[in-house]
C-alpha atoms as a PDB file:
ATOM      1  CA  MET A   1      44.876  20.873 -68.019  1.00  0.00           C
ATOM      2  CA  ALA A   2      42.932  17.972 -67.042  1.00  0.00           C
ATOM      3  CA  ILE A   3      40.238  19.821 -69.538  1.00  0.00           C
ATOM      4  CA  GLU A   4      42.656  19.073 -72.151  1.00  0.00           C
ATOM      5  CA  ALA A   5      43.053  15.912 -70.903  1.00  0.00           C
ATOM      6  CA  ASP A   6      39.283  15.214 -70.806  1.00  0.00           C
ATOM      7  CA  PHE A   7      38.579  16.786 -74.553  1.00  0.00           C
ATOM      8  CA  MET A   8      42.026  14.702 -76.045  1.00  0.00           C
ATOM      9  CA  ARG A   9      40.358  11.746 -74.786  1.00  0.00           C
ATOM     10  CA  GLU A  10      37.072  12.196 -75.073  1.00  0.00           C
ATOM     11  CA  TYR A  11      36.197  14.065 -78.494  1.00  0.00           C
ATOM     12  CA  ARG A  12      39.689  13.582 -79.242  1.00  0.00           C
ATOM     13  CA  ILE A  13      40.574  16.987 -79.569  1.00  0.00           C
ATOM     14  CA  ASP A  14      43.560  18.662 -80.224  1.00  0.00           C
ATOM     15  CA  ASP A  15      45.622  21.384 -78.978  1.00  0.00           C
ATOM     16  CA  SER A  16      44.831  23.758 -82.010  1.00  0.00           C
ATOM     17  CA  GLU A  17      41.611  22.361 -82.418  1.00  0.00           C
ATOM     18  CA  LEU A  18      40.889  23.237 -79.073  1.00  0.00           C
ATOM     19  CA  ALA A  19      42.536  26.545 -79.889  1.00  0.00           C
ATOM     20  CA  ARG A  20      39.700  27.569 -83.109  1.00  0.00           C
ATOM     21  CA  LEU A  21      36.470  26.364 -80.880  1.00  0.00           C
ATOM     22  CA  SER A  22      34.157  28.791 -80.422  1.00  0.00           C
ATOM     23  CA  TRP A  23      33.582  30.118 -76.648  1.00  0.00           C
ATOM     24  CA  ARG A  24      29.504  27.835 -76.691  1.00  0.00           C
ATOM     25  CA  ARG A  25      31.195  24.731 -78.852  1.00  0.00           C
ATOM     26  CA  PHE A  26      33.673  25.071 -75.636  1.00  0.00           C
ATOM     27  CA  LEU A  27      31.760  24.901 -73.278  1.00  0.00           C
ATOM     28  CA  VAL A  28      29.307  22.605 -75.194  1.00  0.00           C
ATOM     29  CA  LEU A  29      31.526  20.227 -75.034  1.00  0.00           C
ATOM     30  CA  LEU A  30      32.510  20.937 -71.637  1.00  0.00           C
ATOM     31  CA  HIS A  31      28.929  19.970 -70.378  1.00  0.00           C
ATOM     32  CA  GLY A  32      28.694  17.006 -71.925  1.00  0.00           C
ATOM     33  CA  LEU A  33      31.856  15.207 -70.614  1.00  0.00           C
ATOM     34  CA  SER A  34      31.074  11.938 -69.107  1.00  0.00           C
ATOM     35  CA  PRO A  35      31.146  11.674 -65.229  1.00  0.00           C
ATOM     36  CA  GLU A  36      34.232   9.672 -65.574  1.00  0.00           C
ATOM     37  CA  ALA A  37      36.430  12.694 -67.170  1.00  0.00           C
ATOM     38  CA  LEU A  38      38.558  14.217 -64.469  1.00  0.00           C
ATOM     39  CA  TYR A  39      37.125  17.751 -64.909  1.00  0.00           C
ATOM     40  CA  PRO A  40      33.766  16.723 -63.626  1.00  0.00           C
ATOM     41  CA  GLN A  41      35.764  15.378 -60.673  1.00  0.00           C
ATOM     42  CA  LEU A  42      37.506  17.555 -59.873  1.00  0.00           C
ATOM     43  CA  VAL A  43      34.803  20.009 -59.998  1.00  0.00           C
ATOM     44  CA  GLU A  44      32.558  17.743 -57.908  1.00  0.00           C
ATOM     45  CA  LYS A  45      35.187  17.638 -55.194  1.00  0.00           C
ATOM     46  CA  THR A  46      35.919  21.330 -54.755  1.00  0.00           C
ATOM     47  CA  PRO A  47      34.546  23.066 -52.023  1.00  0.00           C
ATOM     48  CA  LYS A  48      31.576  25.601 -52.105  1.00  0.00           C
ATOM     49  CA  GLN A  49      31.523  28.611 -50.708  1.00  0.00           C
ATOM     50  CA  VAL A  50      28.146  31.226 -50.752  1.00  0.00           C
ATOM     51  CA  ASP A  51      28.985  34.766 -48.867  1.00  0.00           C
ATOM     52  CA  ASP A  52      25.889  35.867 -49.712  1.00  0.00           C
ATOM     53  CA  THR A  53      23.845  35.552 -46.945  1.00  0.00           C
ATOM     54  CA  GLU A  54      20.228  35.557 -49.298  1.00  0.00           C
ATOM     55  CA  ALA A  55      21.316  33.142 -51.538  1.00  0.00           C
ATOM     56  CA  ALA A  56      22.924  30.540 -48.598  1.00  0.00           C
ATOM     57  CA  THR A  57      19.509  30.967 -46.913  1.00  0.00           C
ATOM     58  CA  ILE A  58      18.158  29.242 -50.589  1.00  0.00           C
ATOM     59  CA  MET A  59      20.201  26.911 -51.093  1.00  0.00           C
ATOM     60  CA  SER A  60      19.864  25.609 -47.552  1.00  0.00           C
ATOM     61  CA  GLN A  61      16.574  25.118 -48.620  1.00  0.00           C
ATOM     62  CA  ALA A  62      16.555  23.721 -51.655  1.00  0.00           C
END
C-alpha cells in the first residue's frame, strides 16, 4: 500500500499504470522515491537480521 501511495503522490502513476510497469521500470522508480516518501521510511525502520555469521562479521566491520 505504501508503494502505491508513494507512486501516486510522487509520479502520478495510478493502479492501472502501475500494473503495466516492467520490473526494471518499477525498480528504477522505487529506488528513486524521495526520502520523504513513506516506503523508504518504512524500510529504514525495519530491523535487519543477518543469519549467516560470516555476513554478520563482514557487516560489523563495515
